[in-house]
N, C-alpha and C. Protein backbone atom coordinates (compact mmCIF):
# COMPACT_ATOMS: atom_id res chain seq x y z
N MET A 1 -17.71 48.26 38.23
CA MET A 1 -19.00 49.48 38.68
C MET A 1 -19.75 50.02 38.03
N LEU A 2 -20.76 49.52 39.06
CA LEU A 2 -22.06 50.05 37.95
C LEU A 2 -22.12 51.60 38.26
N ALA A 3 -22.72 51.82 36.77
CA ALA A 3 -22.84 54.19 36.89
C ALA A 3 -24.32 53.34 36.45
N LEU A 4 -25.43 54.56 37.21
CA LEU A 4 -26.57 54.63 37.55
C LEU A 4 -27.09 56.20 37.22
N SER A 5 -27.56 56.75 36.21
CA SER A 5 -28.31 58.49 36.71
C SER A 5 -29.12 58.61 37.26
N ARG A 6 -29.66 59.17 37.88
CA ARG A 6 -30.52 59.56 38.46
C ARG A 6 -30.86 61.29 38.88
N LYS A 7 -31.92 61.62 39.00
CA LYS A 7 -32.45 62.93 39.27
C LYS A 7 -32.29 63.21 41.25
N LYS A 8 -33.15 64.71 40.70
CA LYS A 8 -33.10 65.07 42.21
C LYS A 8 -34.34 64.37 42.52
N ASP A 9 -34.12 63.62 44.15
CA ASP A 9 -35.78 62.78 44.48
C ASP A 9 -35.43 61.40 44.26
N GLU A 10 -34.55 60.69 43.31
CA GLU A 10 -34.66 59.78 42.60
C GLU A 10 -33.62 58.97 43.51
N ALA A 11 -33.56 57.46 43.96
CA ALA A 11 -33.07 57.01 44.69
C ALA A 11 -32.67 55.60 43.93
N ILE A 12 -31.60 54.43 44.88
CA ILE A 12 -31.51 53.76 45.06
C ILE A 12 -31.36 52.69 45.74
N ILE A 13 -31.76 51.58 45.69
CA ILE A 13 -31.33 50.71 46.72
C ILE A 13 -30.62 49.74 46.73
N ILE A 14 -29.66 49.24 48.12
CA ILE A 14 -28.80 48.32 47.71
C ILE A 14 -29.20 47.03 48.66
N ASN A 15 -29.33 46.25 48.39
CA ASN A 15 -29.77 44.84 49.02
C ASN A 15 -30.42 45.31 50.07
N ASP A 16 -31.51 45.08 49.75
CA ASP A 16 -33.07 45.62 50.31
C ASP A 16 -33.03 46.74 51.23
N ASP A 17 -31.64 47.11 52.14
CA ASP A 17 -31.57 47.67 53.52
C ASP A 17 -30.94 48.84 53.05
N ILE A 18 -30.43 49.48 52.34
CA ILE A 18 -29.36 50.90 52.39
C ILE A 18 -30.38 51.54 50.69
N GLU A 19 -30.72 52.71 51.30
CA GLU A 19 -31.43 53.82 50.22
C GLU A 19 -30.30 54.58 50.02
N ILE A 20 -29.90 54.69 49.26
CA ILE A 20 -29.39 56.51 48.28
C ILE A 20 -30.02 57.37 47.48
N THR A 21 -30.91 58.32 48.13
CA THR A 21 -31.37 59.46 47.67
C THR A 21 -30.72 60.23 47.16
N VAL A 22 -30.86 61.21 45.76
CA VAL A 22 -30.04 62.24 45.04
C VAL A 22 -30.97 63.34 46.14
N ILE A 23 -30.57 63.89 47.29
CA ILE A 23 -30.84 65.24 48.13
C ILE A 23 -31.31 66.51 47.38
N GLU A 24 -29.87 66.92 46.51
CA GLU A 24 -29.34 68.44 46.11
C GLU A 24 -28.54 68.29 44.72
N ILE A 25 -28.88 69.02 43.53
CA ILE A 25 -28.24 69.14 42.68
C ILE A 25 -27.47 70.71 42.49
N LYS A 26 -26.53 71.08 42.92
CA LYS A 26 -25.63 72.34 43.13
C LYS A 26 -24.39 72.14 42.20
N GLY A 27 -24.40 72.80 40.65
CA GLY A 27 -23.37 72.62 39.93
C GLY A 27 -22.65 71.11 39.57
N ASP A 28 -21.00 71.28 40.28
CA ASP A 28 -20.53 70.25 40.10
C ASP A 28 -20.82 69.13 41.69
N GLN A 29 -21.71 69.32 42.37
CA GLN A 29 -22.04 68.79 43.76
C GLN A 29 -22.98 68.63 43.82
N VAL A 30 -22.92 66.86 43.85
CA VAL A 30 -24.56 66.27 44.52
C VAL A 30 -24.61 65.63 45.95
N LYS A 31 -25.72 65.85 46.96
CA LYS A 31 -25.59 65.97 48.28
C LYS A 31 -26.30 64.79 48.31
N LEU A 32 -26.39 63.59 48.67
CA LEU A 32 -26.56 62.13 48.28
C LEU A 32 -27.11 62.14 50.54
N GLY A 33 -28.69 61.24 50.22
CA GLY A 33 -28.85 60.92 51.72
C GLY A 33 -28.75 59.80 51.81
N ILE A 34 -28.59 58.82 52.77
CA ILE A 34 -27.96 57.58 52.85
C ILE A 34 -29.07 56.66 53.83
N SER A 35 -29.89 56.08 54.18
CA SER A 35 -30.33 55.52 55.01
C SER A 35 -30.25 54.05 54.71
N ALA A 36 -29.06 53.13 56.21
CA ALA A 36 -29.47 52.04 56.12
C ALA A 36 -28.98 51.50 57.70
N PRO A 37 -28.81 50.39 57.84
CA PRO A 37 -29.21 49.96 59.43
C PRO A 37 -27.90 51.11 60.16
N LYS A 38 -28.29 50.62 61.42
CA LYS A 38 -26.76 51.30 62.46
C LYS A 38 -25.77 50.62 62.51
N SER A 39 -25.29 49.05 61.61
CA SER A 39 -24.84 48.32 62.06
C SER A 39 -23.76 48.63 60.31
N VAL A 40 -23.91 49.46 59.82
CA VAL A 40 -23.59 49.51 58.79
C VAL A 40 -22.97 50.69 58.83
N PRO A 41 -21.42 50.87 58.56
CA PRO A 41 -20.53 51.94 58.80
C PRO A 41 -20.71 52.53 57.35
N ILE A 42 -21.27 53.83 57.63
CA ILE A 42 -20.52 54.76 56.31
C ILE A 42 -19.39 56.25 56.45
N TYR A 43 -19.00 55.94 55.38
CA TYR A 43 -17.73 57.04 55.47
C TYR A 43 -17.26 57.32 54.62
N ARG A 44 -17.28 58.51 54.42
CA ARG A 44 -16.76 59.56 52.65
C ARG A 44 -15.55 58.84 52.80
N LYS A 45 -15.34 58.50 51.33
CA LYS A 45 -14.17 57.93 51.00
C LYS A 45 -12.48 58.36 52.10
N GLU A 46 -12.39 59.80 51.89
CA GLU A 46 -11.27 60.12 52.21
C GLU A 46 -10.81 60.06 53.98
N VAL A 47 -11.86 59.90 54.43
CA VAL A 47 -12.21 59.44 56.07
C VAL A 47 -11.80 58.33 56.29
N TYR A 48 -12.57 56.89 55.36
CA TYR A 48 -11.83 55.78 55.32
C TYR A 48 -10.55 56.05 54.87
N VAL A 49 -9.85 56.01 54.09
CA VAL A 49 -8.40 55.56 53.87
C VAL A 49 -7.90 55.99 54.81
N GLN A 50 -8.25 57.51 55.94
CA GLN A 50 -7.32 57.43 56.75
C GLN A 50 -7.85 56.57 58.14
N ILE A 51 -8.76 55.90 57.92
CA ILE A 51 -9.33 55.32 59.22
C ILE A 51 -7.92 54.12 58.79
N GLN A 52 -8.20 53.56 57.47
CA GLN A 52 -7.45 52.46 57.23
C GLN A 52 -5.72 52.47 57.35
N ASN A 53 -5.22 53.71 56.81
CA ASN A 53 -3.82 53.85 57.11
C ASN A 53 -3.80 54.05 58.65
N ALA A 54 -4.57 54.55 59.80
CA ALA A 54 -3.87 54.41 61.19
C ALA A 54 -4.12 53.10 61.55
N ASN A 55 -5.29 52.14 60.88
CA ASN A 55 -4.89 50.98 61.46
C ASN A 55 -3.74 50.30 60.97
N LYS A 56 -3.60 50.39 59.75
CA LYS A 56 -2.15 49.92 59.50
C LYS A 56 -0.96 50.30 60.13
N GLU A 57 -0.80 51.87 60.24
CA GLU A 57 0.08 51.47 60.96
C GLU A 57 0.25 51.48 62.48
N SER A 58 -0.73 51.48 63.63
CA SER A 58 -1.22 50.70 65.16
C SER A 58 -1.04 49.66 64.66
N ALA A 59 -1.19 48.72 63.65
CA ALA A 59 -0.72 47.17 63.87
C ALA A 59 1.00 46.94 63.37
N ALA A 60 1.40 47.78 62.05
CA ALA A 60 3.03 47.76 62.57
C ALA A 60 3.56 48.08 63.13
N SER A 61 3.26 49.08 64.48
CA SER A 61 3.70 48.86 65.87
C SER A 61 3.55 48.05 67.09
N VAL A 62 3.14 46.76 66.94
CA VAL A 62 2.53 46.07 67.72
C VAL A 62 4.29 45.19 67.60
N ASP A 63 4.13 44.91 68.78
CA ASP A 63 5.13 43.70 69.08
C ASP A 63 4.51 42.70 69.13
N ALA A 64 4.86 41.85 67.73
CA ALA A 64 4.22 40.21 67.93
C ALA A 64 5.08 39.23 69.01
N ALA A 65 5.97 38.98 68.84
CA ALA A 65 6.69 38.14 70.36
C ALA A 65 6.68 39.14 71.63
N ALA A 66 6.09 39.97 71.83
CA ALA A 66 5.78 40.13 73.18
C ALA A 66 4.25 39.96 73.58
N LEU A 67 3.79 40.62 72.62
CA LEU A 67 1.96 39.72 72.31
C LEU A 67 1.77 37.99 72.42
N ASN A 68 2.75 37.57 71.92
CA ASN A 68 2.34 36.63 71.86
C ASN A 68 2.69 35.92 73.34
N LYS A 69 3.82 36.15 73.57
CA LYS A 69 4.06 36.11 75.63
C LYS A 69 3.44 35.78 76.33
N LEU A 70 2.18 37.46 76.51
CA LEU A 70 1.76 37.48 77.17
C LEU A 70 0.14 36.39 77.20
N PHE A 71 0.26 36.05 76.04
CA PHE A 71 -0.77 35.30 75.85
C PHE A 71 -0.87 33.41 76.55
N LYS A 72 0.92 33.07 76.00
CA LYS A 72 1.25 31.87 76.39
C LYS A 72 1.20 31.63 77.98
N LYS A 73 0.71 32.46 78.75
CA LYS A 73 0.86 32.54 80.50
C LYS A 73 0.01 31.73 80.77
């Protein structure tokens, strides 16, 4: 992990097309602004984990044998 120090209104650039700017610092909270192409999904980590868990549950509920039969017709 790369750890960087930034002050309000300072930014970092990732891969030429993603910019993360510190918008506000209030107590122990930091507000970030993220500029990225629309093709780049951006999630809070807790939301991302929920999505991943839902995807795993959904994949586990698929009957692979029945699905395979559908494609063999």
